[in-house]
């Protein structure tokens, strides 16, 4: 009897083991390399959404109207009157830099004394449609006053009324709004030098920010020209009463502090960043309490900046710029200011394009870099420039390290996957983004996608507060079913589309991995945009 029980036990254990083996196919590990300069397109910019250098454009203007903004190379060639073709030509001209963003100004100076006309709203919608058709997103800013002369500007009440008018348009174009810039107040919407001195009225500023927080979709951030001083003012006002310091626990939570970010329009200009941090003796340096507060908060915010026009704040070294961009987690930076392509004469960005940068300089500065960023396919050193480095590391730079998955499964089985990645960029992804595993069949069709519980908000380049800036490894885990699948070979992929349904299938808005050996797949219609990780064979379950 005992022997019989023992035999039954052995058989049961064997059957259990076979079931476990069937449910857990043998995994193989595939390693990936970063982008080498000798890879196809390896010296160009990776065209990823919601990061990188940005254009500056003007939108919503009547065709032929008078407005500055044409680039130096277009002078005497393009019509003097406004046309969206101005910025469309810029997008095409500089496409090799992977630029997918534009700071979009819409001036409302014709409506200081009354409501915005339906014609103006139609012009604005037309411009935003052109942006969508072109595959770019905008940092959207509204303004009235085009200089600091204090000649004529809106009251706070007029601004609030215009925000109510603009609300439907802002909400219906959420898909291509990367961030909303606070704007409206003062010269160029920078919250200074306004006709009615609105920037000195903290209650008025708070009312405008409160209205913007109401009007702008909750998962979009609002960038202030000056922060944290203005941010503290508005959050501490009774209308909001929401002054807290941002941290890992309340980031991306939708509270006001998590939605108000910085646009530094005086990046590294003179000792105070062009008036951003004005408190002596430290100015724009560690030791200034506001500077340090922003250093702590910037890990979880959308941060943008621009140099002063024509290097008016002094020439800026590219390596020094890279350190600040990393310290404050910049996602975007103007390609328009202090660059000859727009100004006609060479300034700081031109010098970045000419100045070599070495791996040793980056290591000494503890700046992020892939191990083969300075090597060609044969392992020989390649000279890089300050401009290339800044261009490639603004915002996020998702570099896959390895993936584990089975080489073969049986029909009906799940395909388990584990993917390790490092974010080599200066910042994490700030807007919601879905993550999917994907299967592509040999007919070039997307056979299946499976959403996984990964949160790109958490893909920080380093642990916030880590003075050594040690790169973090993040992991995606999930599985995708082969139920009802025909036998055959499939490509396994990682798909990171935009979270808004209207452009989710548009490959231009999906995230590309920064790996030279990870193919980029799109459907025959140019949809999806999937990073191909490897191959799996699905065997027939027929006995």
Protein backbone atom coordinates (compact mmCIF):
# COMPACT_ATOMS: atom_id res chain seq x y z
CA UNK A 1 0.00 0.00 0.00
CA UNK A 2 2.82 2.39 0.92
CA UNK A 3 4.66 1.55 -2.33
CA UNK A 4 1.45 2.23 -4.32
CA UNK A 5 1.02 5.62 -2.66
CA UNK A 6 4.65 6.43 -3.32
CA UNK A 7 4.22 5.49 -6.98
CA UNK A 8 1.13 7.70 -7.27
CA UNK A 9 3.07 10.55 -5.66
CA UNK A 10 5.96 10.18 -8.11
CA UNK A 11 3.57 10.18 -11.07
CA UNK A 12 1.71 13.22 -9.70
CA UNK A 13 4.97 15.11 -9.22
CA UNK A 14 6.09 14.22 -12.73
CA UNK A 15 2.80 15.44 -14.19
CA UNK A 16 3.02 18.64 -12.16
CA UNK A 17 6.59 19.20 -13.37
CA UNK A 18 5.53 18.72 -16.99
CA UNK A 19 2.68 21.23 -16.56
CA UNK A 20 5.08 23.79 -15.02
CA UNK A 21 7.53 23.19 -17.84
CA UNK A 22 4.78 23.68 -20.42
CA UNK A 23 3.59 26.85 -18.70
CA UNK A 24 7.13 28.17 -18.27
CA UNK A 25 8.98 27.73 -21.57
CA UNK A 26 12.73 28.13 -21.55
CA UNK A 27 13.67 31.79 -21.86
CA UNK A 28 16.48 33.27 -23.85
CA UNK A 29 18.09 36.63 -23.24
CA UNK A 30 18.84 39.15 -26.00
CA UNK A 31 21.13 42.10 -25.34
CA UNK A 32 20.95 45.41 -27.18
CA UNK A 33 23.43 48.16 -28.01
CA UNK A 34 22.93 51.90 -27.91
CA UNK A 35 23.09 54.03 -31.04
CA UNK A 36 26.59 54.25 -32.51
CA UNK A 37 27.50 57.22 -34.70
CA UNK A 38 28.12 54.76 -37.56
CA UNK A 39 24.59 53.31 -37.35
CA UNK A 40 22.12 54.45 -40.02
CA UNK A 41 21.05 57.91 -38.89
CA UNK A 42 23.45 57.66 -35.96
CA UNK A 43 24.67 61.24 -36.32
CA UNK A 44 21.15 62.64 -36.56
CA UNK A 45 18.56 63.29 -33.90
CA UNK A 46 16.15 60.57 -32.85
CA UNK A 47 12.65 61.90 -33.72
CA UNK A 48 10.89 61.13 -30.47
CA UNK A 49 7.76 62.98 -29.29
CA UNK A 50 7.59 65.43 -26.38
CA UNK A 51 11.33 65.99 -26.00
CA UNK A 52 14.36 67.65 -27.58
CA UNK A 53 15.11 70.93 -29.27
CA UNK A 54 12.05 72.92 -30.26
CA UNK A 55 11.11 75.49 -32.87
CA UNK A 56 9.40 78.78 -32.06
CA UNK A 57 6.36 79.47 -34.22
CA UNK A 58 3.42 81.84 -34.51
CA UNK A 59 -0.03 80.40 -35.09
CA UNK A 60 -3.62 81.52 -35.52
CA UNK A 61 -2.73 84.61 -37.55
CA UNK A 62 -4.74 85.77 -40.58
CA UNK A 63 -2.81 84.90 -43.76
CA UNK A 64 -0.74 87.84 -44.94
CA UNK A 65 -0.88 89.70 -41.63
CA UNK A 66 2.15 91.54 -40.30
CA UNK A 67 4.17 89.58 -37.73
CA UNK A 68 7.85 88.93 -37.20
CA UNK A 69 9.15 85.39 -37.08
CA UNK A 70 10.63 84.34 -40.41
CA UNK A 71 14.05 82.65 -40.08
CA UNK A 72 17.17 84.35 -41.42
CA UNK A 73 17.51 81.89 -44.29
CA UNK A 74 13.98 82.79 -45.47
CA UNK A 75 14.44 86.56 -45.54
CA UNK A 76 13.99 88.00 -49.02
CA UNK A 77 12.70 84.57 -50.11
CA UNK A 78 9.39 84.05 -48.30
CA UNK A 79 6.39 86.40 -48.38
CA UNK A 80 6.52 89.17 -45.77
CA UNK A 81 2.95 88.46 -44.70
CA UNK A 82 2.23 85.69 -42.22
CA UNK A 83 1.83 82.13 -43.44
CA UNK A 84 2.03 78.77 -41.68
CA UNK A 85 4.53 77.85 -44.38
CA UNK A 86 7.15 79.84 -42.45
CA UNK A 87 7.36 77.30 -39.67
CA UNK A 88 6.57 74.31 -41.89
CA UNK A 89 9.72 75.08 -43.88
CA UNK A 90 11.69 75.27 -40.64
CA UNK A 91 10.38 71.87 -39.58
CA UNK A 92 11.50 70.34 -42.86
CA UNK A 93 14.84 72.17 -42.98
CA UNK A 94 15.92 70.92 -39.55
CA UNK A 95 14.29 67.49 -39.59
CA UNK A 96 17.70 65.77 -39.30
CA UNK A 97 17.85 67.03 -35.70
CA UNK A 98 14.75 65.01 -34.82
CA UNK A 99 12.79 68.08 -33.74
CA UNK A 100 9.17 67.21 -32.89
CA UNK A 101 8.22 70.22 -30.72
CA UNK A 102 7.37 73.86 -31.29
CA UNK A 103 6.67 76.66 -28.87
CA UNK A 104 3.53 78.08 -30.46
CA UNK A 105 2.60 81.72 -29.78
CA UNK A 106 -0.90 82.91 -30.48
CA UNK A 107 -1.27 86.69 -30.11
CA UNK A 108 -4.63 88.09 -29.04
CA UNK A 109 -3.73 91.79 -29.19
CA UNK A 110 -6.68 92.55 -31.49
CA UNK A 111 -9.09 91.48 -28.74
CA UNK A 112 -7.92 93.42 -25.70
CA UNK A 113 -11.29 95.19 -25.45
CA UNK A 114 -13.65 92.35 -26.31
CA UNK A 115 -14.21 88.67 -27.01
CA UNK A 116 -12.07 86.66 -29.41
CA UNK A 117 -13.71 86.51 -32.82
CA UNK A 118 -14.89 83.26 -34.37
CA UNK A 119 -12.60 84.00 -37.31
CA UNK A 120 -9.57 84.14 -34.98
CA UNK A 121 -10.56 80.85 -33.36
CA UNK A 122 -10.89 79.29 -36.82
CA UNK A 123 -7.40 80.51 -37.79
CA UNK A 124 -6.03 79.03 -34.58
CA UNK A 125 -7.69 75.67 -35.19
CA UNK A 126 -6.34 75.61 -38.73
CA UNK A 127 -2.79 76.14 -37.45
CA UNK A 128 -3.17 73.40 -34.84
CA UNK A 129 -4.45 71.05 -37.54
CA UNK A 130 -1.33 71.80 -39.57
CA UNK A 131 0.79 70.92 -36.53
CA UNK A 132 -1.03 67.60 -36.16
CA UNK A 133 -0.68 66.82 -39.86
CA UNK A 134 3.05 67.58 -39.63
CA UNK A 135 3.56 65.30 -36.63
CA UNK A 136 4.63 67.92 -34.09
CA UNK A 137 3.35 68.88 -30.65
CA UNK A 138 3.22 72.36 -29.20
CA UNK A 139 4.10 74.26 -26.08
CA UNK A 140 1.05 76.50 -26.43
CA UNK A 141 1.29 80.11 -25.27
CA UNK A 142 -1.18 82.97 -25.61
CA UNK A 143 -0.03 86.58 -25.30
CA UNK A 144 -1.10 90.14 -26.10
CA UNK A 145 1.88 92.44 -25.57
CA UNK A 146 4.74 92.07 -28.07
CA UNK A 147 7.27 94.27 -26.28
CA UNK A 148 8.05 95.92 -22.95
CA UNK A 149 6.76 99.40 -23.82
CA UNK A 150 3.57 99.06 -21.73
CA UNK A 151 1.44 100.67 -24.42
CA UNK A 152 -1.72 98.59 -24.27
CA UNK A 153 -2.63 95.31 -22.63
CA UNK A 154 -5.54 93.34 -21.22
CA UNK A 155 -6.95 93.45 -17.73
CA UNK A 156 -7.01 90.32 -15.60
CA UNK A 157 -10.78 90.15 -16.12
CA UNK A 158 -10.34 90.14 -19.91
CA UNK A 159 -7.78 87.32 -19.67
CA UNK A 160 -10.19 85.22 -17.60
CA UNK A 161 -12.99 85.78 -20.11
CA UNK A 162 -10.71 84.78 -23.00
CA UNK A 163 -9.69 81.62 -21.17
CA UNK A 164 -13.35 80.64 -20.93
CA UNK A 165 -13.67 81.20 -24.67
CA UNK A 166 -10.56 79.17 -25.45
CA UNK A 167 -11.45 76.25 -23.19
CA UNK A 168 -13.23 74.09 -25.81
CA UNK A 169 -10.43 74.54 -28.34
CA UNK A 170 -7.71 73.76 -25.78
CA UNK A 171 -9.49 70.62 -24.63
CA UNK A 172 -10.27 69.34 -28.11
CA UNK A 173 -6.62 69.73 -29.15
CA UNK A 174 -5.16 68.10 -26.06
CA UNK A 175 -3.57 65.38 -28.20
CA UNK A 176 -0.98 67.74 -29.70
CA UNK A 177 -0.52 70.02 -26.68
CA UNK A 178 2.69 68.87 -25.01
CA UNK A 179 2.38 71.53 -22.30
CA UNK A 180 0.36 74.72 -21.86
CA UNK A 181 2.39 77.80 -21.02
CA UNK A 182 0.86 80.19 -18.51
CA UNK A 183 1.30 83.16 -20.87
CA UNK A 184 -1.33 85.93 -21.22
CA UNK A 185 0.35 88.32 -18.75
CA UNK A 186 2.95 90.87 -19.80
CA UNK A 187 5.49 91.14 -22.60
CA UNK A 188 5.43 87.98 -24.75
CA UNK A 189 3.30 86.31 -22.05
CA UNK A 190 6.34 86.12 -19.73
CA UNK A 191 4.60 87.50 -16.63
CA UNK A 192 6.54 90.75 -16.48
CA UNK A 193 6.25 94.32 -17.84
CA UNK A 194 2.49 94.20 -18.28
CA UNK A 195 0.52 97.39 -18.99
CA UNK A 196 -1.66 96.98 -15.90
CA UNK A 197 1.12 95.57 -13.69
CA UNK A 198 -0.84 92.35 -13.25
CA UNK A 199 2.35 90.54 -12.22
CA UNK A 200 2.37 92.61 -9.02
CA UNK A 201 -1.15 91.50 -8.07
CA UNK A 202 -0.75 88.06 -6.53
CA UNK A 203 -4.50 87.51 -6.29
CA UNK A 204 -4.92 88.25 -10.01
CA UNK A 205 -2.08 85.90 -10.93
CA UNK A 206 -3.58 83.17 -8.77
CA UNK A 207 -7.01 83.67 -10.38
CA UNK A 208 -5.48 83.31 -13.86
CA UNK A 209 -3.55 80.15 -12.86
CA UNK A 210 -6.63 78.70 -11.18
CA UNK A 211 -8.64 79.26 -14.37
CA UNK A 212 -5.87 77.65 -16.45
CA UNK A 213 -5.77 74.64 -14.13
CA UNK A 214 -9.52 74.34 -14.71
CA UNK A 215 -9.39 74.82 -18.48
CA UNK A 216 -6.29 72.80 -19.38
CA UNK A 217 -6.78 68.99 -19.29
CA UNK A 218 -5.71 67.58 -15.94
CA UNK A 219 -2.93 65.43 -17.37
CA UNK A 220 -1.17 68.42 -18.99
CA UNK A 221 1.26 70.67 -17.12
CA UNK A 222 1.34 74.47 -17.16
CA UNK A 223 4.73 76.15 -17.50
CA UNK A 224 5.43 79.45 -15.77
CA UNK A 225 8.10 81.84 -17.06
CA UNK A 226 9.54 82.30 -13.58
CA UNK A 227 9.48 79.65 -10.86
CA UNK A 228 9.46 78.87 -7.97
CA UNK A 229 8.77 82.45 -6.83
CA UNK A 230 5.60 82.89 -8.90
CA UNK A 231 4.57 79.32 -8.25
CA UNK A 232 4.76 79.94 -4.52
CA UNK A 233 2.71 83.12 -4.86
CA UNK A 234 -0.15 81.52 -6.75
CA UNK A 235 -0.25 78.29 -4.76
CA UNK A 236 -0.27 80.20 -1.47
CA UNK A 237 -3.16 82.44 -2.54
CA UNK A 238 -6.60 81.74 -0.99
CA UNK A 239 -8.16 80.78 -4.33
CA UNK A 240 -5.84 77.74 -4.54
CA UNK A 241 -4.43 77.29 -1.02
CA UNK A 242 -2.30 74.42 -2.32
CA UNK A 243 1.29 75.27 -1.44
CA UNK A 244 3.25 72.03 -0.97
CA UNK A 245 6.65 70.89 -2.18
CA UNK A 246 6.56 68.35 -4.95
CA UNK A 247 8.04 64.93 -4.21
CA UNK A 248 7.94 61.34 -5.41
CA UNK A 249 4.69 60.64 -3.56
CA UNK A 250 2.58 63.53 -4.87
CA UNK A 251 4.16 63.88 -8.34
CA UNK A 252 1.86 63.29 -11.35
CA UNK A 253 -1.09 63.26 -8.94
CA UNK A 254 -3.01 66.14 -10.53
CA UNK A 255 -2.63 68.48 -7.57
CA UNK A 256 -1.72 72.08 -8.55
CA UNK A 257 1.90 71.75 -7.38
CA UNK A 258 2.35 68.73 -9.65
CA UNK A 259 0.99 70.57 -12.69
CA UNK A 260 2.89 73.88 -12.52
CA UNK A 261 6.33 73.67 -14.12
CA UNK A 262 9.08 76.03 -15.38
CA UNK A 263 9.92 77.66 -18.69
CA UNK A 264 13.25 79.48 -18.14
CA UNK A 265 13.35 82.10 -20.88
CA UNK A 266 16.76 83.30 -19.68
CA UNK A 267 18.64 79.98 -19.58
CA UNK A 268 22.13 80.68 -18.15
CA UNK A 269 21.86 84.35 -19.15
CA UNK A 270 24.07 86.38 -16.78
CA UNK A 271 24.30 85.44 -13.12
CA UNK A 272 20.53 85.29 -12.49
CA UNK A 273 19.35 83.38 -15.58
CA UNK A 274 17.90 86.56 -17.01
CA UNK A 275 15.96 87.39 -13.85
CA UNK A 276 14.80 83.86 -13.02
CA UNK A 277 16.70 83.65 -9.72
CA UNK A 278 17.46 87.17 -8.61
CA UNK A 279 18.41 86.71 -4.97
CA UNK A 280 22.06 87.47 -4.12
CA UNK A 281 24.58 86.21 -3.25
CA UNK A 282 23.94 82.89 -4.97
CA UNK A 283 21.64 83.86 -7.86
CA UNK A 284 21.26 80.88 -10.25
CA UNK A 285 23.46 78.57 -8.21
CA UNK A 286 23.12 75.99 -5.43
CA UNK A 287 22.66 77.82 -2.15
CA UNK A 288 19.83 79.97 -3.45
CA UNK A 289 16.79 78.51 -1.62
CA UNK A 290 14.49 78.86 -4.63
CA UNK A 291 17.08 77.36 -6.97
CA UNK A 292 17.53 74.43 -4.60
CA UNK A 293 13.77 73.96 -4.23
CA UNK A 294 13.41 73.74 -7.98
CA UNK A 295 16.34 71.32 -8.17
CA UNK A 296 14.39 69.03 -5.83
CA UNK A 297 11.08 69.38 -7.70
CA UNK A 298 12.29 69.29 -11.31
CA UNK A 299 12.56 65.47 -11.45
CA UNK A 300 8.78 65.32 -11.92
CA UNK A 301 8.05 68.40 -14.04
CA UNK A 302 8.13 69.43 -17.70
CA UNK A 303 11.03 71.90 -17.91
CA UNK A 304 11.72 74.08 -20.94
CA UNK A 305 14.15 76.90 -21.64
CA UNK A 306 15.67 79.25 -24.15
CA UNK A 307 18.86 81.25 -24.43
CA UNK A 308 18.65 85.03 -24.70
CA UNK A 309 18.55 86.33 -28.25
CA UNK A 310 22.01 87.02 -29.72
CA UNK A 311 23.82 85.83 -26.57
CA UNK A 312 22.76 89.04 -24.81
CA UNK A 313 23.34 87.32 -21.48
CA UNK A 314 26.83 86.19 -22.49
CA UNK A 315 28.21 83.29 -24.49
CA UNK A 316 27.24 79.91 -23.03
CA UNK A 317 29.52 76.87 -23.05
CA UNK A 318 27.81 73.65 -24.16
CA UNK A 319 29.23 71.46 -21.40
CA UNK A 320 28.10 73.95 -18.77
CA UNK A 321 24.67 73.98 -20.42
CA UNK A 322 24.52 70.16 -20.35
CA UNK A 323 25.22 70.14 -16.60
CA UNK A 324 22.34 72.53 -15.92
CA UNK A 325 20.03 70.69 -18.30
CA UNK A 326 20.73 67.47 -16.39
CA UNK A 327 20.47 69.09 -12.96
CA UNK A 328 17.02 70.51 -13.69
CA UNK A 329 15.76 67.70 -15.91
CA UNK A 330 15.11 69.73 -19.05
CA UNK A 331 12.84 68.07 -21.59
CA UNK A 332 13.06 70.80 -24.23
CA UNK A 333 15.19 73.77 -25.26
CA UNK A 334 14.76 76.43 -27.94
CA UNK A 335 16.58 75.87 -31.23
CA UNK A 336 15.63 79.39 -32.31
CA UNK A 337 17.51 81.63 -29.88
CA UNK A 338 21.22 82.37 -30.34
CA UNK A 339 21.43 80.31 -33.53
CA UNK A 340 22.43 81.60 -36.97
CA UNK A 341 19.67 79.70 -38.77
CA UNK A 342 17.19 82.14 -37.27
CA UNK A 343 19.33 85.14 -36.37
CA UNK A 344 21.68 85.25 -39.36
CA UNK A 345 24.88 85.42 -37.28
CA UNK A 346 26.62 82.65 -35.29
CA UNK A 347 26.05 82.51 -31.54
CA UNK A 348 26.22 79.90 -28.76
CA UNK A 349 24.32 77.09 -30.49
CA UNK A 350 26.56 77.47 -33.55
CA UNK A 351 29.59 77.10 -31.30
CA UNK A 352 28.07 73.98 -29.71
CA UNK A 353 27.91 72.55 -33.22
CA UNK A 354 31.64 73.11 -33.68
CA UNK A 355 33.01 72.26 -30.23
CA UNK A 356 34.18 68.67 -29.65
CA UNK A 357 33.01 66.84 -26.57
CA UNK A 358 34.79 63.79 -25.17
CA UNK A 359 33.64 60.79 -23.20
CA UNK A 360 36.09 61.75 -20.47
CA UNK A 361 34.47 65.18 -20.05
CA UNK A 362 31.08 63.52 -19.66
CA UNK A 363 32.35 60.98 -17.16
CA UNK A 364 34.00 63.71 -15.07
CA UNK A 365 30.74 65.67 -15.09
CA UNK A 366 28.77 62.47 -14.29
CA UNK A 367 26.59 63.11 -17.32
CA UNK A 368 24.62 60.18 -18.83
CA UNK A 369 26.03 58.50 -21.92
CA UNK A 370 25.84 55.13 -23.66
CA UNK A 371 29.07 53.14 -23.66
CA UNK A 372 29.27 53.14 -27.47
CA UNK A 373 28.16 56.73 -28.08
CA UNK A 374 31.72 57.66 -29.06
CA UNK A 375 32.55 54.50 -31.04
CA UNK A 376 31.80 53.27 -34.54
CA UNK A 377 30.85 49.69 -35.39
CA UNK A 378 34.51 48.64 -35.37
CA UNK A 379 35.09 50.13 -31.91
CA UNK A 380 37.12 53.07 -33.26
CA UNK A 381 36.68 56.45 -31.53
CA UNK A 382 34.43 59.05 -33.13
CA UNK A 383 34.44 62.75 -32.31
CA UNK A 384 31.12 64.10 -31.06
CA UNK A 385 30.08 67.73 -30.51
CA UNK A 386 28.45 69.54 -27.62
CA UNK A 387 25.40 70.15 -29.80
CA UNK A 388 24.98 66.46 -30.67
CA UNK A 389 25.14 65.49 -27.03
CA UNK A 390 22.59 68.08 -25.88
CA UNK A 391 20.30 67.30 -28.82
CA UNK A 392 20.37 63.58 -28.05
CA UNK A 393 19.90 63.80 -24.27
CA UNK A 394 17.26 66.48 -23.79
CA UNK A 395 14.23 64.83 -22.21
CA UNK A 396 14.12 61.06 -22.15
CA UNK A 397 16.38 58.65 -24.06
CA UNK A 398 15.10 55.11 -23.57
CA UNK A 399 17.95 52.67 -24.19
CA UNK A 400 16.96 49.01 -24.01
CA UNK A 401 19.52 46.81 -22.28
CA UNK A 402 18.16 43.29 -22.66
CA UNK A 403 14.96 41.29 -23.04
CA UNK A 404 14.10 37.75 -21.96
CA UNK A 405 11.46 35.71 -23.80
CA UNK A 406 11.06 32.17 -25.14
CA UNK A 407 12.30 31.23 -28.59
CA UNK A 408 9.36 28.86 -28.98
CA UNK A 409 5.90 28.36 -27.51
CA UNK A 410 2.93 26.13 -28.29
CA UNK A 411 -0.32 27.55 -29.65
CA UNK A 412 -2.44 28.86 -26.80
CA UNK A 413 0.53 29.47 -24.50
CA UNK A 414 1.45 32.87 -23.14
CA UNK A 415 4.74 34.46 -24.16
CA UNK A 416 6.33 35.88 -20.98
CA UNK A 417 8.65 38.87 -21.45
CA UNK A 418 11.00 40.86 -19.26
CA UNK A 419 12.62 44.01 -20.66
CA UNK A 420 15.35 46.02 -18.92
CA UNK A 421 15.98 49.63 -19.90
CA UNK A 422 18.00 52.66 -18.85
CA UNK A 423 16.87 56.23 -19.43
CA UNK A 424 20.04 57.99 -20.66
CA UNK A 425 18.27 61.34 -20.99
CA UNK A 426 18.06 64.34 -18.68
CA UNK A 427 14.40 63.79 -17.76
CA UNK A 428 11.63 61.26 -17.53
CA UNK A 429 8.47 61.15 -19.65
CA UNK A 430 6.07 63.74 -18.26
CA UNK A 431 2.78 63.05 -20.08
CA UNK A 432 0.79 59.81 -19.77
CA UNK A 433 1.96 57.06 -22.11
CA UNK A 434 0.78 53.49 -22.52
CA UNK A 435 3.15 50.52 -22.87
CA UNK A 436 2.28 47.41 -24.88
CA UNK A 437 3.87 44.15 -25.91
CA UNK A 438 3.19 43.36 -29.57
CA UNK A 439 3.26 40.45 -32.01
CA UNK A 440 3.73 41.00 -35.75
CA UNK A 441 3.16 38.19 -38.24
CA UNK A 442 5.15 37.33 -41.38
CA UNK A 443 2.56 39.10 -43.54
CA UNK A 444 3.59 42.39 -41.95
CA UNK A 445 0.43 42.72 -39.89
CA UNK A 446 0.05 43.56 -36.23
CA UNK A 447 -1.36 40.32 -34.85
CA UNK A 448 -1.86 41.30 -31.22
CA UNK A 449 -1.00 43.88 -28.57
CA UNK A 450 -1.15 43.47 -24.82
CA UNK A 451 -1.02 46.42 -22.46
CA UNK A 452 1.33 45.97 -19.50
CA UNK A 453 1.38 47.70 -16.13
CA UNK A 454 4.43 49.88 -16.76
CA UNK A 455 4.48 53.57 -15.81
CA UNK A 456 6.97 55.64 -17.86
CA UNK A 457 6.63 58.49 -15.34
CA UNK A 458 8.86 56.41 -13.06
CA UNK A 459 11.65 55.92 -15.61
CA UNK A 460 13.95 58.45 -14.00
CA UNK A 461 17.52 58.68 -15.35
CA UNK A 462 18.81 58.57 -11.76
CA UNK A 463 17.30 58.48 -8.31
CA UNK A 464 16.13 62.03 -7.48
CA UNK A 465 18.58 63.56 -5.04
CA UNK A 466 21.46 61.23 -5.97
CA UNK A 467 24.52 63.47 -6.23
CA UNK A 468 26.41 60.76 -8.13
CA UNK A 469 23.69 60.59 -10.81
CA UNK A 470 24.04 56.80 -11.02
CA UNK A 471 21.88 55.45 -13.89
CA UNK A 472 18.85 53.41 -12.87
CA UNK A 473 17.72 50.20 -14.57
CA UNK A 474 13.95 49.91 -15.03
CA UNK A 475 12.06 46.74 -15.86
CA UNK A 476 8.95 45.99 -17.90
CA UNK A 477 7.30 42.62 -17.23
CA UNK A 478 4.32 41.09 -18.96
CA UNK A 479 3.03 38.38 -21.21
CA UNK A 480 1.13 38.14 -24.45
CA UNK A 481 -1.20 35.32 -25.40
CA UNK A 482 -1.00 33.22 -28.57
CA UNK A 483 -4.54 31.90 -28.15
CA UNK A 484 -6.18 31.34 -31.58
CA UNK A 485 -2.93 32.19 -33.34
CA UNK A 486 -1.88 30.16 -36.39
CA UNK A 487 1.44 28.35 -36.13
CA UNK A 488 4.41 30.24 -37.53
CA UNK A 489 7.05 32.83 -36.73
CA UNK A 490 6.34 36.23 -35.22
CA UNK A 491 8.27 39.35 -34.32
CA UNK A 492 8.04 40.45 -30.69
CA UNK A 493 7.89 44.16 -30.08
CA UNK A 494 7.58 46.98 -27.56
CA UNK A 495 5.01 49.65 -28.43
CA UNK A 496 4.83 52.95 -26.54
CA UNK A 497 2.10 54.99 -28.26
CA UNK A 498 0.57 58.31 -27.33
CA UNK A 499 -2.11 57.92 -24.68
CA UNK A 500 -4.72 59.95 -26.57
CA UNK A 501 -6.91 57.88 -28.86
CA UNK A 502 -6.86 60.33 -31.78
CA UNK A 503 -3.12 59.85 -32.45
CA UNK A 504 -2.43 56.55 -30.66
CA UNK A 505 -1.83 54.73 -33.94
CA UNK A 506 0.29 57.52 -35.46
CA UNK A 507 3.87 56.20 -35.48
CA UNK A 508 5.26 59.75 -35.32
CA UNK A 509 3.92 60.04 -31.78
CA UNK A 510 5.26 56.68 -30.53
CA UNK A 511 8.54 56.34 -28.60
CA UNK A 512 11.58 54.91 -30.37
CA UNK A 513 14.24 53.11 -28.35
CA UNK A 514 17.73 54.62 -28.53
CA UNK A 515 19.27 51.38 -29.85
CA UNK A 516 21.03 50.92 -33.16
CA UNK A 517 20.16 47.21 -33.29
CA UNK A 518 16.44 47.51 -32.51
CA UNK A 519 14.44 47.84 -35.77
CA UNK A 520 11.54 50.30 -36.00
CA UNK A 521 8.41 48.71 -37.48
CA UNK A 522 5.36 50.45 -38.86
CA UNK A 523 2.40 48.98 -40.70
CA UNK A 524 1.98 49.38 -44.45
CA UNK A 525 -0.17 52.41 -43.65
CA UNK A 526 2.63 53.92 -41.53
CA UNK A 527 0.86 53.23 -38.25
CA UNK A 528 1.92 52.08 -34.77
CA UNK A 529 5.71 52.47 -34.51
CA UNK A 530 6.99 49.38 -32.68
CA UNK A 531 10.49 48.56 -31.42
CA UNK A 532 11.27 45.02 -32.63
CA UNK A 533 12.96 42.99 -29.88
CA UNK A 534 13.28 39.52 -31.39
CA UNK A 535 11.57 36.51 -32.91
CA UNK A 536 9.40 33.76 -31.48
CA UNK A 537 8.08 30.57 -33.07
CA UNK A 538 4.52 29.48 -32.29
CA UNK A 539 4.26 25.70 -32.79
CA UNK A 540 1.09 23.85 -33.59
CA UNK A 541 -0.71 22.32 -30.63
CA UNK A 542 -2.00 19.46 -32.82
CA UNK A 543 -0.78 16.05 -31.65
